[in-house]
Amino acid sequence: MSNAYEVRNGIRNGTIAGLVAALVMAIPMLATENVDFAVLIPTSMVIGAIYGILTSNKSVSPKTTKESVTLGIITGLISFAILTKQVVVPDTESLVPLLQYALFGAVLGWVTSFLANKQKQQIGVTA
């Protein structure tokens, strides 16, 4: 069970991580001129906030950066399936977007883990 402080921090960390991940994901999209920042940024921040809420729960909270990145990739793949309405096993045409969402998830997990670890260091919590 999480307390309000942990959930608030999870939302903040996830939202920031979602923004960073969206910007990283947008880089290859700019090459094809197929990016709508008005949709990408808010959607990514919401996905990040949801990820932050879920991972602030002690029973789901990743213990290592590797676990956080793995959960982030899973989140990215689920987001791909929901947002593109495709199954997670795509055809070759949707392989690039699938990889972009996996990259989004990896960055989401890493940045969230980084921010959480930085907070723990600031308040003197050892893991």
N, C-alpha and C. Protein backbone atom coordinates (compact mmCIF):
# COMPACT_ATOMS: atom_id res chain seq x y z
N MET A 1 0.84 -1.17 0.00
CA MET A 1 0.00 0.00 0.00
C MET A 1 0.89 1.24 0.00
N SER A 2 0.50 2.24 -0.74
CA SER A 2 1.27 3.47 -0.84
C SER A 2 0.62 4.57 -0.02
N ASN A 3 1.45 5.49 0.43
CA ASN A 3 0.86 6.66 1.08
C ASN A 3 0.76 7.79 0.06
N ALA A 4 0.06 8.86 0.43
CA ALA A 4 -0.19 9.97 -0.50
C ALA A 4 1.11 10.60 -0.98
N TYR A 5 2.12 10.69 -0.11
CA TYR A 5 3.40 11.27 -0.48
C TYR A 5 4.05 10.46 -1.60
N GLU A 6 4.07 9.14 -1.45
CA GLU A 6 4.69 8.28 -2.46
C GLU A 6 3.94 8.37 -3.79
N VAL A 7 2.60 8.39 -3.74
CA VAL A 7 1.81 8.49 -4.96
C VAL A 7 2.06 9.83 -5.64
N ARG A 8 2.09 10.91 -4.86
CA ARG A 8 2.37 12.24 -5.43
C ARG A 8 3.73 12.26 -6.11
N ASN A 9 4.72 11.69 -5.46
CA ASN A 9 6.05 11.63 -6.06
C ASN A 9 6.05 10.73 -7.29
N GLY A 10 5.32 9.63 -7.22
CA GLY A 10 5.22 8.75 -8.38
C GLY A 10 4.60 9.44 -9.57
N ILE A 11 3.55 10.21 -9.33
CA ILE A 11 2.90 10.95 -10.41
C ILE A 11 3.87 11.98 -11.00
N ARG A 12 4.54 12.72 -10.11
CA ARG A 12 5.49 13.73 -10.59
C ARG A 12 6.63 13.10 -11.38
N ASN A 13 7.24 12.05 -10.81
CA ASN A 13 8.35 11.40 -11.50
C ASN A 13 7.91 10.79 -12.83
N GLY A 14 6.75 10.13 -12.82
CA GLY A 14 6.26 9.51 -14.04
C GLY A 14 5.91 10.52 -15.11
N THR A 15 5.33 11.66 -14.70
CA THR A 15 4.98 12.70 -15.67
C THR A 15 6.22 13.31 -16.30
N ILE A 16 7.23 13.58 -15.48
CA ILE A 16 8.49 14.11 -16.01
C ILE A 16 9.14 13.08 -16.94
N ALA A 17 9.15 11.82 -16.51
CA ALA A 17 9.74 10.76 -17.33
C ALA A 17 8.97 10.59 -18.63
N GLY A 18 7.64 10.72 -18.58
CA GLY A 18 6.83 10.63 -19.80
C GLY A 18 7.17 11.73 -20.78
N LEU A 19 7.41 12.93 -20.28
CA LEU A 19 7.80 14.05 -21.13
C LEU A 19 9.15 13.79 -21.79
N VAL A 20 10.12 13.36 -20.98
CA VAL A 20 11.45 13.07 -21.52
C VAL A 20 11.37 11.94 -22.55
N ALA A 21 10.62 10.89 -22.23
CA ALA A 21 10.49 9.76 -23.15
C ALA A 21 9.81 10.18 -24.45
N ALA A 22 8.82 11.07 -24.36
CA ALA A 22 8.15 11.56 -25.57
C ALA A 22 9.13 12.31 -26.47
N LEU A 23 9.97 13.12 -25.86
CA LEU A 23 10.95 13.87 -26.65
C LEU A 23 11.96 12.95 -27.31
N VAL A 24 12.39 11.92 -26.59
CA VAL A 24 13.31 10.94 -27.18
C VAL A 24 12.61 10.17 -28.31
N MET A 25 11.36 9.78 -28.08
CA MET A 25 10.61 9.05 -29.09
C MET A 25 10.35 9.92 -30.33
N ALA A 26 10.26 11.23 -30.14
CA ALA A 26 9.97 12.14 -31.25
C ALA A 26 11.14 12.31 -32.20
N ILE A 27 12.35 12.06 -31.73
CA ILE A 27 13.53 12.28 -32.58
C ILE A 27 13.45 11.49 -33.89
N PRO A 28 13.24 10.16 -33.84
CA PRO A 28 13.12 9.45 -35.13
C PRO A 28 11.85 9.82 -35.89
N MET A 29 10.82 10.24 -35.17
CA MET A 29 9.58 10.64 -35.83
C MET A 29 9.76 11.92 -36.64
N LEU A 30 10.67 12.79 -36.19
CA LEU A 30 10.93 14.04 -36.91
C LEU A 30 11.52 13.77 -38.29
N ALA A 31 12.29 12.69 -38.41
CA ALA A 31 12.89 12.34 -39.70
C ALA A 31 11.82 12.04 -40.75
N THR A 32 10.71 11.50 -40.31
CA THR A 32 9.63 11.19 -41.25
C THR A 32 8.56 12.27 -41.27
N GLU A 33 8.78 13.33 -40.48
CA GLU A 33 7.83 14.44 -40.36
C GLU A 33 6.45 13.93 -39.93
N ASN A 34 6.46 12.90 -39.11
CA ASN A 34 5.21 12.28 -38.67
C ASN A 34 5.07 12.40 -37.16
N VAL A 35 5.08 13.64 -36.67
CA VAL A 35 4.96 13.83 -35.22
C VAL A 35 3.99 14.98 -34.95
N ASP A 36 3.06 14.74 -34.06
CA ASP A 36 2.11 15.76 -33.63
C ASP A 36 2.33 15.98 -32.15
N PHE A 37 3.12 17.00 -31.82
CA PHE A 37 3.47 17.25 -30.43
C PHE A 37 2.26 17.57 -29.57
N ALA A 38 1.21 18.11 -30.16
CA ALA A 38 0.00 18.44 -29.40
C ALA A 38 -0.69 17.18 -28.88
N VAL A 39 -0.44 16.06 -29.52
CA VAL A 39 -0.99 14.77 -29.06
C VAL A 39 0.07 13.98 -28.30
N LEU A 40 1.29 13.96 -28.82
CA LEU A 40 2.36 13.14 -28.25
C LEU A 40 2.70 13.53 -26.81
N ILE A 41 2.89 14.81 -26.56
CA ILE A 41 3.35 15.26 -25.24
C ILE A 41 2.31 14.96 -24.15
N PRO A 42 1.05 15.42 -24.30
CA PRO A 42 0.09 15.13 -23.21
C PRO A 42 -0.18 13.64 -23.03
N THR A 43 -0.26 12.91 -24.13
CA THR A 43 -0.50 11.46 -24.02
C THR A 43 0.65 10.79 -23.27
N SER A 44 1.86 11.15 -23.60
CA SER A 44 3.03 10.56 -22.94
C SER A 44 3.10 10.93 -21.47
N MET A 45 2.71 12.14 -21.14
CA MET A 45 2.72 12.57 -19.74
C MET A 45 1.66 11.82 -18.93
N VAL A 46 0.51 11.56 -19.55
CA VAL A 46 -0.54 10.78 -18.87
C VAL A 46 -0.07 9.34 -18.67
N ILE A 47 0.53 8.75 -19.70
CA ILE A 47 1.06 7.39 -19.58
C ILE A 47 2.11 7.35 -18.47
N GLY A 48 2.97 8.37 -18.43
CA GLY A 48 3.99 8.44 -17.39
C GLY A 48 3.39 8.57 -16.00
N ALA A 49 2.35 9.38 -15.87
CA ALA A 49 1.70 9.55 -14.57
C ALA A 49 1.08 8.24 -14.10
N ILE A 50 0.43 7.53 -15.03
CA ILE A 50 -0.14 6.22 -14.68
C ILE A 50 0.95 5.25 -14.27
N TYR A 51 2.05 5.24 -15.01
CA TYR A 51 3.20 4.39 -14.66
C TYR A 51 3.70 4.76 -13.26
N GLY A 52 3.79 6.06 -12.98
CA GLY A 52 4.25 6.52 -11.66
C GLY A 52 3.33 6.09 -10.54
N ILE A 53 2.01 6.17 -10.78
CA ILE A 53 1.04 5.72 -9.77
C ILE A 53 1.22 4.23 -9.51
N LEU A 54 1.29 3.45 -10.59
CA LEU A 54 1.40 1.99 -10.43
C LEU A 54 2.69 1.59 -9.73
N THR A 55 3.79 2.23 -10.10
CA THR A 55 5.07 1.83 -9.51
C THR A 55 5.31 2.44 -8.13
N SER A 56 4.44 3.35 -7.69
CA SER A 56 4.57 3.86 -6.32
C SER A 56 3.94 2.90 -5.32
N ASN A 57 3.22 1.90 -5.82
CA ASN A 57 2.64 0.86 -4.97
C ASN A 57 3.77 -0.09 -4.57
N LYS A 58 3.94 -0.31 -3.29
CA LYS A 58 5.05 -1.13 -2.79
C LYS A 58 5.11 -2.53 -3.40
N SER A 59 3.95 -3.11 -3.71
CA SER A 59 3.95 -4.47 -4.25
C SER A 59 4.37 -4.51 -5.71
N VAL A 60 4.32 -3.38 -6.41
CA VAL A 60 4.68 -3.33 -7.83
C VAL A 60 5.98 -2.57 -8.03
N SER A 61 6.36 -1.77 -7.07
CA SER A 61 7.51 -0.88 -7.18
C SER A 61 8.78 -1.64 -7.58
N PRO A 62 9.42 -1.22 -8.67
CA PRO A 62 10.66 -1.88 -9.07
C PRO A 62 11.78 -1.60 -8.07
N LYS A 63 12.57 -2.61 -7.79
CA LYS A 63 13.65 -2.47 -6.80
C LYS A 63 14.95 -2.01 -7.44
N THR A 64 15.09 -2.24 -8.75
CA THR A 64 16.33 -1.88 -9.44
C THR A 64 15.99 -1.10 -10.71
N THR A 65 17.00 -0.46 -11.25
CA THR A 65 16.81 0.26 -12.51
C THR A 65 16.44 -0.72 -13.62
N LYS A 66 17.03 -1.89 -13.61
CA LYS A 66 16.72 -2.90 -14.63
C LYS A 66 15.23 -3.28 -14.57
N GLU A 67 14.70 -3.48 -13.37
CA GLU A 67 13.27 -3.80 -13.22
C GLU A 67 12.41 -2.64 -13.70
N SER A 68 12.83 -1.42 -13.40
CA SER A 68 12.08 -0.25 -13.82
C SER A 68 12.05 -0.12 -15.34
N VAL A 69 13.19 -0.35 -15.97
CA VAL A 69 13.26 -0.30 -17.44
C VAL A 69 12.40 -1.40 -18.05
N THR A 70 12.45 -2.59 -17.46
CA THR A 70 11.63 -3.70 -17.96
C THR A 70 10.15 -3.37 -17.86
N LEU A 71 9.73 -2.86 -16.70
CA LEU A 71 8.32 -2.45 -16.54
C LEU A 71 7.97 -1.32 -17.50
N GLY A 72 8.92 -0.43 -17.75
CA GLY A 72 8.70 0.65 -18.70
C GLY A 72 8.49 0.13 -20.11
N ILE A 73 9.30 -0.84 -20.51
CA ILE A 73 9.15 -1.43 -21.85
C ILE A 73 7.79 -2.11 -21.97
N ILE A 74 7.41 -2.83 -20.93
CA ILE A 74 6.07 -3.47 -20.94
C ILE A 74 4.99 -2.40 -21.06
N THR A 75 5.16 -1.29 -20.33
CA THR A 75 4.21 -0.19 -20.43
C THR A 75 4.17 0.38 -21.84
N GLY A 76 5.34 0.54 -22.46
CA GLY A 76 5.40 1.04 -23.83
C GLY A 76 4.70 0.12 -24.81
N LEU A 77 4.89 -1.20 -24.64
CA LEU A 77 4.25 -2.16 -25.54
C LEU A 77 2.73 -2.19 -25.35
N ILE A 78 2.28 -2.07 -24.10
CA ILE A 78 0.84 -2.00 -23.84
C ILE A 78 0.27 -0.71 -24.44
N SER A 79 1.00 0.38 -24.29
CA SER A 79 0.57 1.65 -24.89
C SER A 79 0.48 1.53 -26.40
N PHE A 80 1.45 0.86 -27.00
CA PHE A 80 1.44 0.63 -28.46
C PHE A 80 0.17 -0.11 -28.86
N ALA A 81 -0.13 -1.18 -28.12
CA ALA A 81 -1.31 -1.98 -28.45
C ALA A 81 -2.60 -1.18 -28.30
N ILE A 82 -2.68 -0.36 -27.26
CA ILE A 82 -3.90 0.42 -27.01
C ILE A 82 -4.02 1.59 -27.99
N LEU A 83 -2.95 2.34 -28.15
CA LEU A 83 -3.01 3.56 -28.95
C LEU A 83 -3.05 3.30 -30.45
N THR A 84 -2.43 2.22 -30.90
CA THR A 84 -2.44 1.93 -32.33
C THR A 84 -3.45 0.86 -32.69
N LYS A 85 -4.12 0.32 -31.66
CA LYS A 85 -5.14 -0.72 -31.84
C LYS A 85 -4.59 -1.93 -32.60
N GLN A 86 -3.34 -2.29 -32.30
CA GLN A 86 -2.72 -3.45 -32.91
C GLN A 86 -2.31 -4.42 -31.81
N VAL A 87 -2.19 -5.66 -32.18
CA VAL A 87 -1.69 -6.64 -31.23
C VAL A 87 -0.20 -6.39 -31.05
N VAL A 88 0.37 -6.89 -29.97
CA VAL A 88 1.77 -6.62 -29.68
C VAL A 88 2.70 -7.36 -30.63
N VAL A 89 2.20 -8.33 -31.38
CA VAL A 89 3.01 -9.00 -32.39
C VAL A 89 2.61 -8.38 -33.74
N PRO A 90 3.32 -7.33 -34.16
CA PRO A 90 2.91 -6.58 -35.34
C PRO A 90 3.43 -7.19 -36.64
N ASP A 91 2.94 -6.65 -37.74
CA ASP A 91 3.50 -7.01 -39.03
C ASP A 91 4.74 -6.13 -39.25
N THR A 92 5.44 -6.34 -40.34
CA THR A 92 6.68 -5.61 -40.56
C THR A 92 6.46 -4.11 -40.74
N GLU A 93 5.27 -3.72 -41.20
CA GLU A 93 4.97 -2.30 -41.39
C GLU A 93 4.92 -1.55 -40.07
N SER A 94 4.51 -2.19 -39.01
CA SER A 94 4.40 -1.51 -37.72
C SER A 94 5.56 -1.83 -36.79
N LEU A 95 6.63 -2.41 -37.32
CA LEU A 95 7.78 -2.74 -36.49
C LEU A 95 8.48 -1.48 -35.96
N VAL A 96 8.63 -0.47 -36.80
CA VAL A 96 9.29 0.76 -36.36
C VAL A 96 8.50 1.44 -35.24
N PRO A 97 7.17 1.63 -35.39
CA PRO A 97 6.43 2.21 -34.26
C PRO A 97 6.52 1.36 -33.00
N LEU A 98 6.52 0.05 -33.15
CA LEU A 98 6.64 -0.83 -31.98
C LEU A 98 7.97 -0.57 -31.27
N LEU A 99 9.04 -0.46 -32.04
CA LEU A 99 10.35 -0.19 -31.45
C LEU A 99 10.38 1.20 -30.81
N GLN A 100 9.68 2.17 -31.41
CA GLN A 100 9.61 3.50 -30.82
C GLN A 100 8.91 3.46 -29.46
N TYR A 101 7.84 2.69 -29.37
CA TYR A 101 7.13 2.56 -28.09
C TYR A 101 7.97 1.81 -27.07
N ALA A 102 8.73 0.81 -27.52
CA ALA A 102 9.63 0.10 -26.61
C ALA A 102 10.71 1.05 -26.09
N LEU A 103 11.24 1.89 -26.99
CA LEU A 103 12.23 2.90 -26.60
C LEU A 103 11.60 3.89 -25.62
N PHE A 104 10.38 4.33 -25.92
CA PHE A 104 9.64 5.21 -25.01
C PHE A 104 9.57 4.59 -23.62
N GLY A 105 9.19 3.31 -23.56
CA GLY A 105 9.05 2.62 -22.29
C GLY A 105 10.37 2.49 -21.54
N ALA A 106 11.43 2.19 -22.27
CA ALA A 106 12.74 2.06 -21.64
C ALA A 106 13.18 3.39 -21.03
N VAL A 107 12.99 4.47 -21.77
CA VAL A 107 13.35 5.80 -21.25
C VAL A 107 12.44 6.15 -20.07
N LEU A 108 11.15 5.87 -20.20
CA LEU A 108 10.20 6.12 -19.11
C LEU A 108 10.65 5.42 -17.83
N GLY A 109 10.98 4.15 -17.93
CA GLY A 109 11.42 3.39 -16.76
C GLY A 109 12.72 3.89 -16.19
N TRP A 110 13.68 4.21 -17.07
CA TRP A 110 14.98 4.66 -16.60
C TRP A 110 14.89 6.01 -15.90
N VAL A 111 14.19 6.96 -16.53
CA VAL A 111 14.10 8.30 -15.94
C VAL A 111 13.32 8.25 -14.63
N THR A 112 12.25 7.47 -14.58
CA THR A 112 11.49 7.35 -13.33
C THR A 112 12.37 6.77 -12.23
N SER A 113 13.14 5.75 -12.56
CA SER A 113 14.05 5.15 -11.58
C SER A 113 15.11 6.16 -11.13
N PHE A 114 15.66 6.88 -12.07
CA PHE A 114 16.67 7.89 -11.76
C PHE A 114 16.11 8.93 -10.79
N LEU A 115 14.91 9.45 -11.09
CA LEU A 115 14.31 10.47 -10.23
C LEU A 115 13.99 9.91 -8.84
N ALA A 116 13.48 8.70 -8.79
CA ALA A 116 13.15 8.08 -7.50
C ALA A 116 14.41 7.86 -6.67
N ASN A 117 15.48 7.39 -7.30
CA ASN A 117 16.73 7.16 -6.59
C ASN A 117 17.32 8.48 -6.10
N LYS A 118 17.21 9.52 -6.91
CA LYS A 118 17.72 10.84 -6.51
C LYS A 118 16.96 11.35 -5.29
N GLN A 119 15.63 11.15 -5.27
CA GLN A 119 14.84 11.57 -4.10
C GLN A 119 15.25 10.80 -2.86
N LYS A 120 15.46 9.50 -3.00
CA LYS A 120 15.85 8.69 -1.85
C LYS A 120 17.18 9.17 -1.29
N GLN A 121 18.11 9.54 -2.17
CA GLN A 121 19.42 10.05 -1.71
C GLN A 121 19.26 11.36 -0.97
N GLN A 122 18.34 12.22 -1.44
CA GLN A 122 18.15 13.53 -0.83
C GLN A 122 17.56 13.42 0.57
N ILE A 123 16.69 12.41 0.80
CA ILE A 123 16.09 12.28 2.12
C ILE A 123 16.80 11.26 2.98
N GLY A 124 17.90 10.67 2.45
CA GLY A 124 18.72 9.77 3.24
C GLY A 124 18.20 8.37 3.40
N VAL A 125 17.40 7.91 2.44
CA VAL A 125 16.87 6.53 2.49
C VAL A 125 17.84 5.63 1.74
N THR A 126 18.18 4.51 2.37
CA THR A 126 19.03 3.55 1.68
C THR A 126 18.20 2.36 1.28
N ALA A 127 18.49 1.84 0.10
CA ALA A 127 17.72 0.70 -0.40
C ALA A 127 18.41 -0.60 -0.12
